[in-house]
């Protein structure tokens, strides 16, 4: 509806929901939207699923507490030799491995609501779902009746909406790239580190080809 405000937040699609602040981010967006609506401003909370991120090793595990309150790293992969064969694919499109329910139940056995937490994990992280699908299912399950919209940039409809903006960015790439490099130099001179590492031929764009994410380079004016 015209005049509606979007209160946006987001997070990488981490295994079993990722860090706890994922839920805090979502609840904060919901609360801000409710506050705006109470003031007469139509608002809706939106959660951006960062499904295009390709750093699998950053999100393929979760930290739990066991019955002795000791931190426990729960790895999504079945074993150290079970390596993802497509490391350049967006993480959100990758299928999740089978949930090892027994390990989770053991870890949660002596914790308050442990059985409920294990059941929710089993319900949402079903075999056959992707990292993005399972992550979204978990958040929807936790947030219950709260009015939260989820946006997945890998969805064809979202990509179509973004196409005009990406086309403009391609046309203005030389200017954008020069400014980004200039800003990185200024940050380093000020005692910080550059936030984005760029070279003259580095573009801001990737090509998804048969599921693989390929970095595009700017060369010879093309």
Protein backbone atom coordinates (compact mmCIF):
# COMPACT_ATOMS: atom_id res chain seq x y z
CA UNK A 1 0.00 0.00 0.00
CA UNK A 2 1.18 3.51 -0.76
CA UNK A 3 2.89 5.17 2.18
CA UNK A 4 3.84 1.91 3.91
CA UNK A 5 7.29 1.83 5.51
CA UNK A 6 9.49 -1.30 5.37
CA UNK A 7 11.54 -1.96 8.50
CA UNK A 8 14.30 -4.17 7.12
CA UNK A 9 16.80 -6.44 8.79
CA UNK A 10 18.58 -9.60 7.66
CA UNK A 11 21.20 -12.25 8.26
CA UNK A 12 23.12 -15.04 6.54
CA UNK A 13 21.13 -18.28 6.43
CA UNK A 14 23.16 -19.91 9.21
CA UNK A 15 22.64 -23.52 10.24
CA UNK A 16 19.95 -23.96 12.92
CA UNK A 17 19.30 -20.23 12.73
CA UNK A 18 22.88 -19.12 13.19
CA UNK A 19 23.80 -16.87 16.15
CA UNK A 20 21.13 -15.93 18.71
CA UNK A 21 21.10 -12.30 17.56
CA UNK A 22 19.38 -13.48 14.37
CA UNK A 23 16.16 -13.78 16.37
CA UNK A 24 16.83 -10.50 18.21
CA UNK A 25 17.19 -8.71 14.87
CA UNK A 26 13.84 -10.07 13.68
CA UNK A 27 12.08 -9.16 16.94
CA UNK A 28 13.56 -5.64 16.84
CA UNK A 29 12.25 -5.07 13.30
CA UNK A 30 8.81 -6.31 14.40
CA UNK A 31 8.80 -4.00 17.44
CA UNK A 32 9.89 -0.95 15.40
CA UNK A 33 7.14 -1.64 12.84
CA UNK A 34 4.57 -1.94 15.64
CA UNK A 35 5.77 1.34 17.15
CA UNK A 36 5.45 3.11 13.80
CA UNK A 37 1.95 1.72 13.25
CA UNK A 38 0.91 2.89 16.72
CA UNK A 39 2.01 6.38 15.63
CA UNK A 40 -0.19 6.19 12.52
CA UNK A 41 2.52 5.18 10.02
CA UNK A 42 1.73 1.93 8.14
CA UNK A 43 4.79 -0.33 8.51
CA UNK A 44 5.80 -3.93 7.88
CA UNK A 45 8.91 -5.79 9.11
CA UNK A 46 11.01 -7.43 6.38
CA UNK A 47 13.74 -10.05 6.90
CA UNK A 48 16.35 -10.25 4.13
CA UNK A 49 17.60 -13.81 3.77
CA UNK A 50 21.26 -13.41 2.73
CA UNK A 51 21.04 -16.56 0.61
CA UNK A 52 23.52 -15.37 -2.05
CA UNK A 53 26.44 -15.43 0.39
CA UNK A 54 28.92 -18.14 -0.65
CA UNK A 55 30.95 -18.64 2.55
CA UNK A 56 29.69 -22.10 3.53
CA UNK A 57 32.29 -22.65 6.27
CA UNK A 58 31.01 -19.55 8.07
CA UNK A 59 27.43 -20.85 8.38
CA UNK A 60 27.56 -24.67 8.25
CA UNK A 61 27.64 -25.11 12.04
CA UNK A 62 25.89 -23.92 15.17
CA UNK A 63 27.05 -23.39 18.75
CA UNK A 64 24.88 -25.09 21.36
CA UNK A 65 25.17 -25.64 25.10
CA UNK A 66 25.22 -29.17 26.41
CA UNK A 67 23.76 -30.38 29.71
CA UNK A 68 26.86 -29.20 31.60
CA UNK A 69 26.48 -25.69 30.14
CA UNK A 70 29.59 -26.20 28.02
CA UNK A 71 29.68 -24.81 24.45
CA UNK A 72 29.26 -27.48 21.81
CA UNK A 73 29.97 -26.99 18.10
CA UNK A 74 27.40 -28.86 16.02
CA UNK A 75 28.65 -29.35 12.44
CA UNK A 76 26.13 -29.69 9.63
CA UNK A 77 28.38 -32.01 7.64
CA UNK A 78 28.50 -35.71 8.38
CA UNK A 79 32.29 -35.73 8.74
CA UNK A 80 35.53 -33.87 8.10
CA UNK A 81 35.94 -35.54 4.71
CA UNK A 82 32.41 -34.69 3.57
CA UNK A 83 33.30 -31.55 1.66
CA UNK A 84 30.85 -29.48 -0.34
CA UNK A 85 31.57 -30.16 -4.06
CA UNK A 86 30.34 -26.74 -5.18
CA UNK A 87 32.07 -24.17 -2.93
CA UNK A 88 31.23 -21.31 -5.33
CA UNK A 89 27.47 -21.89 -5.22
CA UNK A 90 25.32 -19.53 -3.14
CA UNK A 91 24.89 -21.12 0.28
CA UNK A 92 21.14 -20.58 0.25
CA UNK A 93 20.74 -22.94 -2.71
CA UNK A 94 22.68 -25.83 -1.13
CA UNK A 95 20.79 -28.81 0.34
CA UNK A 96 21.19 -29.35 4.07
CA UNK A 97 22.60 -32.69 5.27
CA UNK A 98 20.43 -34.98 7.41
CA UNK A 99 19.87 -33.71 10.95
CA UNK A 100 21.58 -35.87 13.58
CA UNK A 101 18.63 -35.76 15.96
CA UNK A 102 20.19 -38.04 18.57
CA UNK A 103 23.17 -35.71 19.09
CA UNK A 104 20.91 -32.70 19.54
CA UNK A 105 18.65 -34.54 21.96
CA UNK A 106 21.68 -35.59 24.04
CA UNK A 107 22.99 -32.03 24.15
CA UNK A 108 19.60 -30.62 25.17
CA UNK A 109 18.59 -33.44 27.53
CA UNK A 110 19.10 -31.53 30.79
CA UNK A 111 18.24 -28.05 29.53
CA UNK A 112 14.91 -26.25 30.05
CA UNK A 113 12.74 -26.69 26.93
CA UNK A 114 15.41 -29.02 25.50
CA UNK A 115 12.90 -31.50 24.09
CA UNK A 116 10.92 -28.67 22.49
CA UNK A 117 14.08 -27.17 20.92
CA UNK A 118 15.08 -30.55 19.47
CA UNK A 119 11.57 -31.03 18.05
CA UNK A 120 11.62 -27.59 16.41
CA UNK A 121 15.01 -28.33 14.82
CA UNK A 122 13.69 -31.65 13.53
CA UNK A 123 10.54 -30.02 12.20
CA UNK A 124 12.26 -27.20 10.30
CA UNK A 125 15.60 -28.70 9.20
CA UNK A 126 14.10 -31.51 7.17
CA UNK A 127 16.19 -33.41 4.65
CA UNK A 128 15.62 -32.12 1.13
CA UNK A 129 15.37 -28.46 2.11
CA UNK A 130 18.04 -25.93 1.26
CA UNK A 131 19.88 -23.80 3.80
CA UNK A 132 17.61 -20.85 2.92
CA UNK A 133 14.39 -22.87 3.10
CA UNK A 134 15.23 -24.44 6.47
CA UNK A 135 16.42 -21.13 7.94
CA UNK A 136 13.21 -19.41 6.90
CA UNK A 137 11.07 -22.28 8.22
CA UNK A 138 12.80 -22.02 11.61
CA UNK A 139 12.26 -18.26 11.88
CA UNK A 140 8.62 -18.58 10.85
CA UNK A 141 8.16 -21.28 13.48
CA UNK A 142 9.78 -19.18 16.23
CA UNK A 143 8.05 -15.92 15.36
CA UNK A 144 4.62 -17.54 15.27
CA UNK A 145 1.86 -15.04 14.53
CA UNK A 146 4.14 -12.00 14.19
CA UNK A 147 3.70 -10.32 10.81
CA UNK A 148 7.11 -10.72 9.17
CA UNK A 149 7.84 -10.76 5.43
CA UNK A 150 10.80 -12.75 4.14
CA UNK A 151 12.77 -11.71 1.07
CA UNK A 152 15.06 -14.17 -0.72
CA UNK A 153 17.29 -12.51 -3.36
CA UNK A 154 17.62 -15.87 -5.17
CA UNK A 155 13.90 -15.84 -5.98
CA UNK A 156 13.26 -15.18 -9.68
CA UNK A 157 10.66 -12.50 -8.87
CA UNK A 158 13.12 -10.58 -6.71
CA UNK A 159 15.85 -10.84 -9.34
CA UNK A 160 13.46 -9.40 -11.93
CA UNK A 161 12.71 -6.45 -9.64
CA UNK A 162 16.45 -5.85 -9.11
CA UNK A 163 17.38 -6.04 -12.80
CA UNK A 164 16.91 -2.30 -13.63
CA UNK A 165 19.05 -1.28 -10.65
CA UNK A 166 21.78 -3.76 -11.62
CA UNK A 167 21.70 -2.50 -15.19
CA UNK A 168 22.29 1.08 -13.97
CA UNK A 169 25.15 -0.13 -11.77
CA UNK A 170 26.77 -1.85 -14.76
CA UNK A 171 26.52 1.34 -16.81
CA UNK A 172 28.06 3.41 -14.01
CA UNK A 173 30.64 0.80 -13.01
CA UNK A 174 33.77 2.88 -13.86
CA UNK A 175 32.57 5.73 -11.63
CA UNK A 176 31.38 3.45 -8.82
CA UNK A 177 34.59 1.42 -8.86
CA UNK A 178 36.81 4.51 -8.77
CA UNK A 179 34.86 5.94 -5.85
CA UNK A 180 35.01 2.68 -3.91
CA UNK A 181 38.80 2.44 -4.40
CA UNK A 182 39.19 6.10 -3.43
CA UNK A 183 37.15 5.53 -0.28
CA UNK A 184 39.25 2.50 0.66
CA UNK A 185 42.44 4.54 0.40
CA UNK A 186 40.92 7.29 2.56
CA UNK A 187 39.94 4.75 5.24
CA UNK A 188 43.46 3.31 5.33
CA UNK A 189 44.98 6.79 5.64
CA UNK A 190 42.63 7.45 8.56
CA UNK A 191 43.94 4.37 10.36
CA UNK A 192 41.16 1.94 9.42
CA UNK A 193 41.20 -0.94 6.94
CA UNK A 194 39.50 -0.95 3.54
CA UNK A 195 36.04 -2.53 3.79
CA UNK A 196 36.00 -3.83 0.21
CA UNK A 197 39.14 -4.98 -1.59
CA UNK A 198 38.99 -3.84 -5.20
CA UNK A 199 41.31 -3.64 -8.18
CA UNK A 200 40.76 -1.67 -11.35
CA UNK A 201 39.31 -4.70 -13.17
CA UNK A 202 37.21 -5.93 -10.25
CA UNK A 203 33.51 -5.54 -10.92
CA UNK A 204 30.68 -5.59 -8.40
CA UNK A 205 28.97 -8.41 -10.24
CA UNK A 206 28.69 -12.18 -10.35
CA UNK A 207 27.18 -14.46 -12.96
CA UNK A 208 25.14 -17.45 -11.80
CA UNK A 209 25.78 -20.14 -14.42
CA UNK A 210 24.36 -23.63 -13.81
CA UNK A 211 24.33 -22.89 -10.09
CA UNK A 212 27.97 -21.73 -9.97
CA UNK A 213 28.82 -18.17 -8.92
CA UNK A 214 31.43 -16.64 -11.24
CA UNK A 215 33.14 -13.31 -10.59
CA UNK A 216 32.96 -10.96 -13.57
CA UNK A 217 35.97 -8.83 -14.53
CA UNK A 218 36.05 -5.53 -16.42
CA UNK A 219 38.51 -5.69 -19.31
CA UNK A 220 39.09 -3.75 -22.54
CA UNK A 221 36.04 -1.57 -22.00
CA UNK A 222 33.70 -4.56 -21.59
